[in-house]
């Protein structure tokens, strides 16, 4: 089933660029978190800020990893000729949804 108004090569390139951006972000986060092994500041309030920053970075890293998994799945669906078809109900995913979220693998109705 072919989806209208979607150029698969453009989709592939967009998804790959986004994945590279996320990988770069994850590398920066890992470098910053690698500093977590360093001694905390002697100041209690500064320690709290450092620990809070590490927690935020960890969550941002998890979010990036989850998005990269979605992108990988979308790229696999492009390669398999299944891109644009909802993996749950089999209906076409609206082109506007794919434009907004090119990594989407489900239609809006199944994305709940």
PDB file of N, CA and C in Angstrom:
ATOM      1  N   UNK A   1       0.839  -1.172   0.000  1.00  0.00           N
ATOM      2  CA  UNK A   1       0.000   0.000   0.000  1.00  0.00           C
ATOM      3  C   UNK A   1       0.888   1.241   0.000  1.00  0.00           C
ATOM      4  N   UNK A   2       0.695   2.097  -0.935  1.00  0.00           N
ATOM      5  CA  UNK A   2       1.513   3.303  -1.072  1.00  0.00           C
ATOM      6  C   UNK A   2       0.797   4.486  -0.447  1.00  0.00           C
ATOM      7  N   UNK A   3       1.537   5.289   0.315  1.00  0.00           N
ATOM      8  CA  UNK A   3       0.919   6.449   0.937  1.00  0.00           C
ATOM      9  C   UNK A   3       1.119   7.669   0.047  1.00  0.00           C
ATOM     10  N   UNK A   4       0.129   8.531  -0.029  1.00  0.00           N
ATOM     11  CA  UNK A   4       0.231   9.710  -0.888  1.00  0.00           C
ATOM     12  C   UNK A   4       1.079  10.806  -0.253  1.00  0.00           C
ATOM     13  N   UNK A   5       1.640  11.640  -1.093  1.00  0.00           N
ATOM     14  CA  UNK A   5       2.327  12.863  -0.658  1.00  0.00           C
ATOM     15  C   UNK A   5       3.515  12.619   0.269  1.00  0.00           C
ATOM     16  N   UNK A   6       4.118  11.472   0.213  1.00  0.00           N
ATOM     17  CA  UNK A   6       5.287  11.203   1.051  1.00  0.00           C
ATOM     18  C   UNK A   6       6.414  10.705   0.166  1.00  0.00           C
ATOM     19  N   UNK A   7       7.532  11.381   0.194  1.00  0.00           N
ATOM     20  CA  UNK A   7       8.707  10.972  -0.573  1.00  0.00           C
ATOM     21  C   UNK A   7       9.616  10.215   0.383  1.00  0.00           C
ATOM     22  N   UNK A   8       9.723   8.929   0.158  1.00  0.00           N
ATOM     23  CA  UNK A   8      10.410   8.062   1.111  1.00  0.00           C
ATOM     24  C   UNK A   8      11.885   8.422   1.300  1.00  0.00           C
ATOM     25  N   UNK A   9      12.560   8.858   0.248  1.00  0.00           N
ATOM     26  CA  UNK A   9      13.972   9.224   0.410  1.00  0.00           C
ATOM     27  C   UNK A   9      14.108  10.432   1.327  1.00  0.00           C
ATOM     28  N   UNK A  10      13.190  11.384   1.204  1.00  0.00           N
ATOM     29  CA  UNK A  10      13.205  12.544   2.095  1.00  0.00           C
ATOM     30  C   UNK A  10      12.929  12.112   3.536  1.00  0.00           C
ATOM     31  N   UNK A  11      12.004  11.190   3.695  1.00  0.00           N
ATOM     32  CA  UNK A  11      11.677  10.676   5.032  1.00  0.00           C
ATOM     33  C   UNK A  11      12.897   9.991   5.626  1.00  0.00           C
ATOM     34  N   UNK A  12      13.538   9.119   4.832  1.00  0.00           N
ATOM     35  CA  UNK A  12      14.748   8.430   5.318  1.00  0.00           C
ATOM     36  C   UNK A  12      15.797   9.432   5.779  1.00  0.00           C
ATOM     37  N   UNK A  13      16.060  10.431   4.945  1.00  0.00           N
ATOM     38  CA  UNK A  13      17.082  11.426   5.286  1.00  0.00           C
ATOM     39  C   UNK A  13      16.716  12.209   6.531  1.00  0.00           C
ATOM     40  N   UNK A  14      15.460  12.599   6.639  1.00  0.00           N
ATOM     41  CA  UNK A  14      14.993  13.327   7.816  1.00  0.00           C
ATOM     42  C   UNK A  14      15.159  12.486   9.077  1.00  0.00           C
ATOM     43  N   UNK A  15      14.745  11.232   9.012  1.00  0.00           N
ATOM     44  CA  UNK A  15      14.856  10.342  10.171  1.00  0.00           C
ATOM     45  C   UNK A  15      16.310  10.092  10.537  1.00  0.00           C
ATOM     46  N   UNK A  16      17.154   9.896   9.543  1.00  0.00           N
ATOM     47  CA  UNK A  16      18.584   9.660   9.825  1.00  0.00           C
ATOM     48  C   UNK A  16      19.237  10.890  10.452  1.00  0.00           C
ATOM     49  N   UNK A  17      18.896  12.079   9.943  1.00  0.00           N
ATOM     50  CA  UNK A  17      19.451  13.311  10.536  1.00  0.00           C
ATOM     51  C   UNK A  17      19.011  13.461  11.990  1.00  0.00           C
ATOM     52  N   UNK A  18      17.733  13.209  12.239  1.00  0.00           N
ATOM     53  CA  UNK A  18      17.227  13.324  13.608  1.00  0.00           C
ATOM     54  C   UNK A  18      17.906  12.312  14.522  1.00  0.00           C
ATOM     55  N   UNK A  19      18.096  11.113  14.023  1.00  0.00           N
ATOM     56  CA  UNK A  19      18.764  10.078  14.819  1.00  0.00           C
ATOM     57  C   UNK A  19      20.202  10.492  15.142  1.00  0.00           C
ATOM     58  N   UNK A  20      20.888  11.105  14.181  1.00  0.00           N
ATOM     59  CA  UNK A  20      22.255  11.568  14.414  1.00  0.00           C
ATOM     60  C   UNK A  20      22.277  12.688  15.454  1.00  0.00           C
ATOM     61  N   UNK A  21      21.302  13.600  15.372  1.00  0.00           N
ATOM     62  CA  UNK A  21      21.200  14.656  16.382  1.00  0.00           C
ATOM     63  C   UNK A  21      21.020  14.058  17.770  1.00  0.00           C
ATOM     64  N   UNK A  22      20.154  13.062  17.869  1.00  0.00           N
ATOM     65  CA  UNK A  22      19.901  12.420  19.157  1.00  0.00           C
ATOM     66  C   UNK A  22      21.129  11.668  19.656  1.00  0.00           C
ATOM     67  N   UNK A  23      21.848  11.028  18.746  1.00  0.00           N
ATOM     68  CA  UNK A  23      23.071  10.316  19.137  1.00  0.00           C
ATOM     69  C   UNK A  23      24.110  11.302  19.658  1.00  0.00           C
ATOM     70  N   UNK A  24      24.230  12.448  18.998  1.00  0.00           N
ATOM     71  CA  UNK A  24      25.159  13.478  19.468  1.00  0.00           C
ATOM     72  C   UNK A  24      24.762  13.979  20.849  1.00  0.00           C
ATOM     73  N   UNK A  25      23.454  14.178  21.045  1.00  0.00           N
ATOM     74  CA  UNK A  25      22.957  14.617  22.349  1.00  0.00           C
ATOM     75  C   UNK A  25      23.275  13.572  23.412  1.00  0.00           C
ATOM     76  N   UNK A  26      23.039  12.311  23.090  1.00  0.00           N
ATOM     77  CA  UNK A  26      23.305  11.229  24.041  1.00  0.00           C
ATOM     78  C   UNK A  26      24.790  11.176  24.396  1.00  0.00           C
ATOM     79  N   UNK A  27      25.655  11.400  23.426  1.00  0.00           N
ATOM     80  CA  UNK A  27      27.098  11.409  23.701  1.00  0.00           C
ATOM     81  C   UNK A  27      27.467  12.539  24.651  1.00  0.00           C
ATOM     82  N   UNK A  28      26.890  13.724  24.418  1.00  0.00           N
ATOM     83  CA  UNK A  28      27.170  14.849  25.321  1.00  0.00           C
ATOM     84  C   UNK A  28      26.656  14.561  26.728  1.00  0.00           C
ATOM     85  N   UNK A  29      25.481  13.971  26.813  1.00  0.00           N
ATOM     86  CA  UNK A  29      24.911  13.627  28.118  1.00  0.00           C
ATOM     87  C   UNK A  29      25.797  12.616  28.831  1.00  0.00           C
ATOM     88  N   UNK A  30      26.234  11.599  28.107  1.00  0.00           N
ATOM     89  CA  UNK A  30      27.098  10.578  28.721  1.00  0.00           C
ATOM     90  C   UNK A  30      28.410  11.180  29.206  1.00  0.00           C
ATOM     91  N   UNK A  31      28.968  12.124  28.443  1.00  0.00           N
ATOM     92  CA  UNK A  31      30.191  12.798  28.896  1.00  0.00           C
ATOM     93  C   UNK A  31      29.919  13.575  30.187  1.00  0.00           C
ATOM     94  N   UNK A  32      28.790  14.309  30.191  1.00  0.00           N
ATOM     95  CA  UNK A  32      28.456  15.085  31.387  1.00  0.00           C
ATOM     96  C   UNK A  32      28.187  14.175  32.580  1.00  0.00           C
ATOM     97  N   UNK A  33      27.470  13.080  32.354  1.00  0.00           N
ATOM     98  CA  UNK A  33      27.191  12.153  33.453  1.00  0.00           C
ATOM     99  C   UNK A  33      28.449  11.423  33.895  1.00  0.00           C
ATOM    100  N   UNK A  34      29.412  11.273  33.007  1.00  0.00           N
ATOM    101  CA  UNK A  34      30.685  10.658  33.377  1.00  0.00           C
ATOM    102  C   UNK A  34      31.402  11.466  34.443  1.00  0.00           C
ATOM    103  N   UNK A  35      31.101  12.736  34.479  1.00  0.00           N
ATOM    104  CA  UNK A  35      31.678  13.604  35.509  1.00  0.00           C
ATOM    105  C   UNK A  35      31.003  13.385  36.861  1.00  0.00           C
ATOM    106  N   UNK A  36      29.928  12.627  36.883  1.00  0.00           N
ATOM    107  CA  UNK A  36      29.205  12.373  38.134  1.00  0.00           C
ATOM    108  C   UNK A  36      30.066  11.597  39.120  1.00  0.00           C
ATOM    109  N   UNK A  37      31.100  10.929  38.608  1.00  0.00           N
ATOM    110  CA  UNK A  37      32.004  10.190  39.493  1.00  0.00           C
ATOM    111  C   UNK A  37      32.921  11.129  40.268  1.00  0.00           C
ATOM    112  N   UNK A  38      32.993  12.374  39.813  1.00  0.00           N
ATOM    113  CA  UNK A  38      33.829  13.350  40.501  1.00  0.00           C
ATOM    114  C   UNK A  38      33.177  13.706  41.837  1.00  0.00           C
ATOM    115  N   UNK A  39      33.953  14.158  42.756  1.00  0.00           N
ATOM    116  CA  UNK A  39      33.446  14.528  44.079  1.00  0.00           C
ATOM    117  C   UNK A  39      32.441  15.670  43.959  1.00  0.00           C
ATOM    118  N   UNK A  40      31.401  15.596  44.767  1.00  0.00           N
ATOM    119  CA  UNK A  40      30.414  16.667  44.811  1.00  0.00           C
ATOM    120  C   UNK A  40      31.010  17.878  45.508  1.00  0.00           C
ATOM    121  N   UNK A  41      30.420  19.005  45.237  1.00  0.00           N
ATOM    122  CA  UNK A  41      30.828  20.243  45.881  1.00  0.00           C
ATOM    123  C   UNK A  41      30.705  20.096  47.399  1.00  0.00           C
ATOM    124  N   UNK A  42      31.491  20.839  48.120  1.00  0.00           N
ATOM    125  CA  UNK A  42      31.412  20.815  49.585  1.00  0.00           C
ATOM    126  C   UNK A  42      30.151  21.509  50.074  1.00  0.00           C
ATOM    127  N   UNK A  43      29.609  22.404  49.268  1.00  0.00           N
ATOM    128  CA  UNK A  43      28.414  23.150  49.626  1.00  0.00           C
ATOM    129  C   UNK A  43      27.180  22.282  49.415  1.00  0.00           C
ATOM    130  N   UNK A  44      26.346  22.139  50.468  1.00  0.00           N
ATOM    131  CA  UNK A  44      25.172  21.267  50.403  1.00  0.00           C
ATOM    132  C   UNK A  44      24.211  21.685  49.304  1.00  0.00           C
ATOM    133  N   UNK A  45      23.938  22.997  49.198  1.00  0.00           N
ATOM    134  CA  UNK A  45      22.987  23.452  48.175  1.00  0.00           C
ATOM    135  C   UNK A  45      23.543  23.206  46.771  1.00  0.00           C
ATOM    136  N   UNK A  46      24.843  23.338  46.610  1.00  0.00           N
ATOM    137  CA  UNK A  46      25.462  23.053  45.308  1.00  0.00           C
ATOM    138  C   UNK A  46      25.388  21.550  45.006  1.00  0.00           C
ATOM    139  N   UNK A  47      25.530  20.719  46.023  1.00  0.00           N
ATOM    140  CA  UNK A  47      25.385  19.266  45.824  1.00  0.00           C
ATOM    141  C   UNK A  47      23.980  18.936  45.323  1.00  0.00           C
ATOM    142  N   UNK A  48      22.981  19.570  45.917  1.00  0.00           N
ATOM    143  CA  UNK A  48      21.601  19.319  45.511  1.00  0.00           C
ATOM    144  C   UNK A  48      21.395  19.695  44.044  1.00  0.00           C
ATOM    145  N   UNK A  49      21.973  20.821  43.640  1.00  0.00           N
ATOM    146  CA  UNK A  49      21.859  21.259  42.247  1.00  0.00           C
ATOM    147  C   UNK A  49      22.559  20.265  41.321  1.00  0.00           C
ATOM    148  N   UNK A  50      23.742  19.821  41.703  1.00  0.00           N
ATOM    149  CA  UNK A  50      24.485  18.850  40.883  1.00  0.00           C
ATOM    150  C   UNK A  50      23.692  17.551  40.718  1.00  0.00           C
ATOM    151  N   UNK A  51      23.120  17.068  41.814  1.00  0.00           N
ATOM    152  CA  UNK A  51      22.360  15.824  41.751  1.00  0.00           C
ATOM    153  C   UNK A  51      21.091  16.003  40.920  1.00  0.00           C
ATOM    154  N   UNK A  52      20.451  17.143  41.061  1.00  0.00           N
ATOM    155  CA  UNK A  52      19.244  17.420  40.282  1.00  0.00           C
ATOM    156  C   UNK A  52      19.593  17.501  38.787  1.00  0.00           C
ATOM    157  N   UNK A  53      20.702  18.126  38.463  1.00  0.00           N
ATOM    158  CA  UNK A  53      21.138  18.198  37.067  1.00  0.00           C
ATOM    159  C   UNK A  53      21.408  16.810  36.500  1.00  0.00           C
ATOM    160  N   UNK A  54      22.032  15.948  37.285  1.00  0.00           N
ATOM    161  CA  UNK A  54      22.307  14.587  36.827  1.00  0.00           C
ATOM    162  C   UNK A  54      21.011  13.820  36.567  1.00  0.00           C
ATOM    163  N   UNK A  55      20.017  14.014  37.435  1.00  0.00           N
ATOM    164  CA  UNK A  55      18.722  13.353  37.242  1.00  0.00           C
ATOM    165  C   UNK A  55      18.059  13.845  35.958  1.00  0.00           C
ATOM    166  N   UNK A  56      18.131  15.153  35.724  1.00  0.00           N
ATOM    167  CA  UNK A  56      17.533  15.714  34.505  1.00  0.00           C
ATOM    168  C   UNK A  56      18.249  15.188  33.264  1.00  0.00           C
ATOM    169  N   UNK A  57      19.569  15.151  33.314  1.00  0.00           N
ATOM    170  CA  UNK A  57      20.334  14.629  32.175  1.00  0.00           C
ATOM    171  C   UNK A  57      20.014  13.162  31.914  1.00  0.00           C
ATOM    172  N   UNK A  58      19.859  12.397  32.962  1.00  0.00           N
ATOM    173  CA  UNK A  58      19.522  10.980  32.809  1.00  0.00           C
ATOM    174  C   UNK A  58      18.179  10.830  32.107  1.00  0.00           C
ATOM    175  N   UNK A  59      17.200  11.623  32.504  1.00  0.00           N
ATOM    176  CA  UNK A  59      15.874  11.547  31.883  1.00  0.00           C
ATOM    177  C   UNK A  59      15.917  12.004  30.426  1.00  0.00           C
ATOM    178  N   UNK A  60      16.671  13.048  30.143  1.00  0.00           N
ATOM    179  CA  UNK A  60      16.821  13.503  28.758  1.00  0.00           C
ATOM    180  C   UNK A  60      17.478  12.407  27.925  1.00  0.00           C
ATOM    181  N   UNK A  61      18.455  11.718  28.493  1.00  0.00           N
ATOM    182  CA  UNK A  61      19.111  10.607  27.799  1.00  0.00           C
ATOM    183  C   UNK A  61      18.138   9.471  27.523  1.00  0.00           C
ATOM    184  N   UNK A  62      17.291   9.148  28.480  1.00  0.00           N
ATOM    185  CA  UNK A  62      16.277   8.095  28.272  1.00  0.00           C
ATOM    186  C   UNK A  62      15.307   8.485  27.157  1.00  0.00           C
ATOM    187  N   UNK A  63      14.902   9.740  27.164  1.00  0.00           N
ATOM    188  CA  UNK A  63      13.982  10.233  26.148  1.00  0.00           C
ATOM    189  C   UNK A  63      14.621  10.158  24.758  1.00  0.00           C
ATOM    190  N   UNK A  64      15.879  10.537  24.659  1.00  0.00           N
ATOM    191  CA  UNK A  64      16.590  10.461  23.377  1.00  0.00           C
ATOM    192  C   UNK A  64      16.698   9.017  22.903  1.00  0.00           C
ATOM    193  N   UNK A  65      16.999   8.108  23.816  1.00  0.00           N
ATOM    194  CA  UNK A  65      17.108   6.691  23.455  1.00  0.00           C
ATOM    195  C   UNK A  65      15.773   6.147  22.970  1.00  0.00           C
ATOM    196  N   UNK A  66      14.693   6.535  23.634  1.00  0.00           N
ATOM    197  CA  UNK A  66      13.359   6.075  23.225  1.00  0.00           C
ATOM    198  C   UNK A  66      13.010   6.616  21.844  1.00  0.00           C
ATOM    199  N   UNK A  67      13.337   7.876  21.587  1.00  0.00           N
ATOM    200  CA  UNK A  67      13.053   8.455  20.272  1.00  0.00           C
ATOM    201  C   UNK A  67      13.887   7.773  19.190  1.00  0.00           C
ATOM    202  N   UNK A  68      15.142   7.451  19.500  1.00  0.00           N
ATOM    203  CA  UNK A  68      15.982   6.750  18.522  1.00  0.00           C
ATOM    204  C   UNK A  68      15.406   5.371  18.197  1.00  0.00           C
ATOM    205  N   UNK A  69      14.840   4.695  19.191  1.00  0.00           N
ATOM    206  CA  UNK A  69      14.192   3.400  18.936  1.00  0.00           C
ATOM    207  C   UNK A  69      13.005   3.565  17.993  1.00  0.00           C
ATOM    208  N   UNK A  70      12.216   4.618  18.204  1.00  0.00           N
ATOM    209  CA  UNK A  70      11.074   4.890  17.322  1.00  0.00           C
ATOM    210  C   UNK A  70      11.550   5.175  15.905  1.00  0.00           C
ATOM    211  N   UNK A  71      12.615   5.929  15.783  1.00  0.00           N
ATOM    212  CA  UNK A  71      13.165   6.242  14.467  1.00  0.00           C
ATOM    213  C   UNK A  71      13.671   4.980  13.796  1.00  0.00           C
ATOM    214  N   UNK A  72      14.365   4.130  14.546  1.00  0.00           N
ATOM    215  CA  UNK A  72      14.844   2.864  13.983  1.00  0.00           C
ATOM    216  C   UNK A  72      13.691   2.014  13.471  1.00  0.00           C
ATOM    217  N   UNK A  73      12.592   1.993  14.245  1.00  0.00           N
ATOM    218  CA  UNK A  73      11.422   1.225  13.822  1.00  0.00           C
ATOM    219  C   UNK A  73      10.826   1.817  12.550  1.00  0.00           C
ATOM    220  N   UNK A  74      10.746   3.142  12.485  1.00  0.00           N
ATOM    221  CA  UNK A  74      10.204   3.795  11.285  1.00  0.00           C
ATOM    222  C   UNK A  74      11.090   3.512  10.077  1.00  0.00           C
ATOM    223  N   UNK A  75      12.406   3.570  10.258  1.00  0.00           N
ATOM    224  CA  UNK A  75      13.326   3.271   9.154  1.00  0.00           C
ATOM    225  C   UNK A  75      13.185   1.821   8.694  1.00  0.00           C
ATOM    226  N   UNK A  76      12.981   0.920   9.629  1.00  0.00           N
ATOM    227  CA  UNK A  76      12.774  -0.488   9.271  1.00  0.00           C
ATOM    228  C   UNK A  76      11.476  -0.638   8.480  1.00  0.00           C
ATOM    229  N   UNK A  77      10.458   0.117   8.854  1.00  0.00           N
ATOM    230  CA  UNK A  77       9.186   0.055   8.139  1.00  0.00           C
ATOM    231  C   UNK A  77       9.321   0.651   6.734  1.00  0.00           C
ATOM    232  N   UNK A  78      10.155   1.693   6.587  1.00  0.00           N
ATOM    233  CA  UNK A  78      10.425   2.239   5.257  1.00  0.00           C
ATOM    234  C   UNK A  78      11.076   1.162   4.405  1.00  0.00           C
ATOM    235  N   UNK A  79      12.095   0.509   4.956  1.00  0.00           N
ATOM    236  CA  UNK A  79      12.824  -0.527   4.221  1.00  0.00           C
ATOM    237  C   UNK A  79      11.925  -1.700   3.844  1.00  0.00           C
ATOM    238  N   UNK A  80      10.973  -2.007   4.704  1.00  0.00           N
ATOM    239  CA  UNK A  80      10.075  -3.148   4.456  1.00  0.00           C
ATOM    240  C   UNK A  80       8.872  -2.770   3.591  1.00  0.00           C
ATOM    241  N   UNK A  81       8.779  -1.491   3.216  1.00  0.00           N
ATOM    242  CA  UNK A  81       7.637  -1.054   2.420  1.00  0.00           C
ATOM    243  C   UNK A  81       6.369  -0.897   3.226  1.00  0.00           C
ATOM    244  N   UNK A  82       6.499  -0.760   4.535  1.00  0.00           N
ATOM    245  CA  UNK A  82       5.341  -0.652   5.415  1.00  0.00           C
ATOM    246  C   UNK A  82       5.155   0.749   5.986  1.00  0.00           C
ATOM    247  N   UNK A  83       6.025   1.675   5.602  1.00  0.00           N
ATOM    248  CA  UNK A  83       5.944   3.025   6.143  1.00  0.00           C
ATOM    249  C   UNK A  83       4.625   3.666   5.741  1.00  0.00           C
ATOM    250  N   UNK A  84       3.992   4.320   6.697  1.00  0.00           N
ATOM    251  CA  UNK A  84       2.741   5.010   6.431  1.00  0.00           C
ATOM    252  C   UNK A  84       1.512   4.171   6.664  1.00  0.00           C
ATOM    253  N   UNK A  85       1.720   2.905   6.997  1.00  0.00           N
ATOM    254  CA  UNK A  85       0.611   2.018   7.321  1.00  0.00           C
ATOM    255  C   UNK A  85       0.655   1.759   8.818  1.00  0.00           C
ATOM    256  N   UNK A  86      -0.461   1.954   9.491  1.00  0.00           N
ATOM    257  CA  UNK A  86      -0.534   1.763  10.934  1.00  0.00           C
ATOM    258  C   UNK A  86      -0.203   0.315  11.284  1.00  0.00           C
ATOM    259  N   UNK A  87       0.720   0.139  12.212  1.00  0.00           N
ATOM    260  CA  UNK A  87       1.119  -1.220  12.595  1.00  0.00           C
ATOM    261  C   UNK A  87       0.063  -1.929  13.432  1.00  0.00           C
ATOM    262  N   UNK A  88      -0.924  -1.179  13.945  1.00  0.00           N
ATOM    263  CA  UNK A  88      -1.977  -1.810  14.745  1.00  0.00           C
ATOM    264  C   UNK A  88      -3.207  -2.155  13.921  1.00  0.00           C
ATOM    265  N   UNK A  89      -3.733  -1.170  13.182  1.00  0.00           N
ATOM    266  CA  UNK A  89      -4.999  -1.404  12.478  1.00  0.00           C
ATOM    267  C   UNK A  89      -4.829  -1.619  10.978  1.00  0.00           C
ATOM    268  N   UNK A  90      -3.648  -1.310  10.442  1.00  0.00           N
ATOM    269  CA  UNK A  90      -3.391  -1.528   9.020  1.00  0.00           C
ATOM    270  C   UNK A  90      -3.889  -0.440   8.098  1.00  0.00           C
ATOM    271  N   UNK A  91      -4.502   0.601   8.644  1.00  0.00           N
ATOM    272  CA  UNK A  91      -4.979   1.717   7.828  1.00  0.00           C
ATOM    273  C   UNK A  91      -3.820   2.660   7.517  1.00  0.00           C
ATOM    274  N   UNK A  92      -4.007   3.485   6.482  1.00  0.00           N
ATOM    275  CA  UNK A  92      -2.990   4.484   6.161  1.00  0.00           C
ATOM    276  C   UNK A  92      -2.921   5.531   7.263  1.00  0.00           C
ATOM    277  N   UNK A  93      -1.715   5.948   7.581  1.00  0.00           N
ATOM    278  CA  UNK A  93      -1.506   7.036   8.537  1.00  0.00           C
ATOM    279  C   UNK A  93      -1.639   8.330   7.749  1.00  0.00           C
ATOM    280  N   UNK A  94      -2.389   9.267   8.286  1.00  0.00           N
ATOM    281  CA  UNK A  94      -2.620  10.530   7.617  1.00  0.00           C
ATOM    282  C   UNK A  94      -1.290  11.221   7.299  1.00  0.00           C
ATOM    283  N   UNK A  95      -1.192  11.782   6.086  1.00  0.00           N
ATOM    284  CA  UNK A  95       0.039  12.439   5.647  1.00  0.00           C
ATOM    285  C   UNK A  95       0.415  13.601   6.564  1.00  0.00           C
ATOM    286  N   UNK A  96      -0.572  14.319   7.092  1.00  0.00           N
ATOM    287  CA  UNK A  96      -0.279  15.428   8.009  1.00  0.00           C
ATOM    288  C   UNK A  96       0.385  14.912   9.281  1.00  0.00           C
ATOM    289  N   UNK A  97      -0.044  13.757   9.756  1.00  0.00           N
ATOM    290  CA  UNK A  97       0.583  13.159  10.946  1.00  0.00           C
ATOM    291  C   UNK A  97       2.020  12.771  10.648  1.00  0.00           C
ATOM    292  N   UNK A  98       2.238  12.168   9.491  1.00  0.00           N
ATOM    293  CA  UNK A  98       3.596  11.762   9.120  1.00  0.00           C
ATOM    294  C   UNK A  98       4.499  12.979   8.921  1.00  0.00           C
ATOM    295  N   UNK A  99       3.925  14.059   8.437  1.00  0.00           N
ATOM    296  CA  UNK A  99       4.725  15.270   8.277  1.00  0.00           C
ATOM    297  C   UNK A  99       5.124  15.822   9.635  1.00  0.00           C
ATOM    298  N   UNK A 100       4.196  15.786  10.585  1.00  0.00           N
ATOM    299  CA  UNK A 100       4.471  16.290  11.932  1.00  0.00           C
ATOM    300  C   UNK A 100       5.358  15.337  12.731  1.00  0.00           C
ATOM    301  N   UNK A 101       5.123  14.039  12.564  1.00  0.00           N
ATOM    302  CA  UNK A 101       5.881  13.010  13.297  1.00  0.00           C
ATOM    303  C   UNK A 101       6.299  11.918  12.318  1.00  0.00           C
ATOM    304  N   UNK A 102       7.367  12.137  11.560  1.00  0.00           N
ATOM    305  CA  UNK A 102       7.751  11.153  10.548  1.00  0.00           C
ATOM    306  C   UNK A 102       8.104   9.783  11.135  1.00  0.00           C
ATOM    307  N   UNK A 103       8.344   9.719  12.428  1.00  0.00           N
ATOM    308  CA  UNK A 103       8.653   8.433  13.063  1.00  0.00           C
ATOM    309  C   UNK A 103       7.403   7.672  13.474  1.00  0.00           C
ATOM    310  N   UNK A 104       6.221   8.266  13.251  1.00  0.00           N
ATOM    311  CA  UNK A 104       4.973   7.628  13.660  1.00  0.00           C
ATOM    312  C   UNK A 104       4.776   6.290  12.935  1.00  0.00           C
ATOM    313  N   UNK A 105       4.396   5.280  13.693  1.00  0.00           N
ATOM    314  CA  UNK A 105       4.136   3.960  13.116  1.00  0.00           C
ATOM    315  C   UNK A 105       2.683   3.533  13.346  1.00  0.00           C
ATOM    316  N   UNK A 106       1.922   4.421  14.028  1.00  0.00           N
ATOM    317  CA  UNK A 106       0.510   4.148  14.243  1.00  0.00           C
ATOM    318  C   UNK A 106      -0.289   5.383  13.824  1.00  0.00           C
ATOM    319  N   UNK A 107      -1.526   5.152  13.438  1.00  0.00           N
ATOM    320  CA  UNK A 107      -2.418   6.263  13.113  1.00  0.00           C
ATOM    321  C   UNK A 107      -2.822   6.952  14.418  1.00  0.00           C
ATOM    322  N   UNK A 108      -3.426   8.103  14.275  1.00  0.00           N
ATOM    323  CA  UNK A 108      -3.809   8.871  15.456  1.00  0.00           C
ATOM    324  C   UNK A 108      -4.808   8.096  16.323  1.00  0.00           C
ATOM    325  N   UNK A 109      -5.695   7.330  15.686  1.00  0.00           N
ATOM    326  CA  UNK A 109      -6.683   6.563  16.433  1.00  0.00           C
ATOM    327  C   UNK A 109      -6.079   5.461  17.285  1.00  0.00           C
ATOM    328  N   UNK A 110      -4.967   4.903  16.839  1.00  0.00           N
ATOM    329  CA  UNK A 110      -4.317   3.809  17.579  1.00  0.00           C
ATOM    330  C   UNK A 110      -3.220   4.310  18.513  1.00  0.00           C
ATOM    331  N   UNK A 111      -2.963   5.598  18.492  1.00  0.00           N
ATOM    332  CA  UNK A 111      -1.859   6.161  19.285  1.00  0.00           C
ATOM    333  C   UNK A 111      -2.329   6.608  20.663  1.00  0.00           C
ATOM    334  N   UNK A 112      -3.296   5.881  21.205  1.00  0.00           N
ATOM    335  CA  UNK A 112      -3.788   6.232  22.540  1.00  0.00           C
ATOM    336  C   UNK A 112      -3.505   5.135  23.521  1.00  0.00           C
TER     337      UNK A 112
END
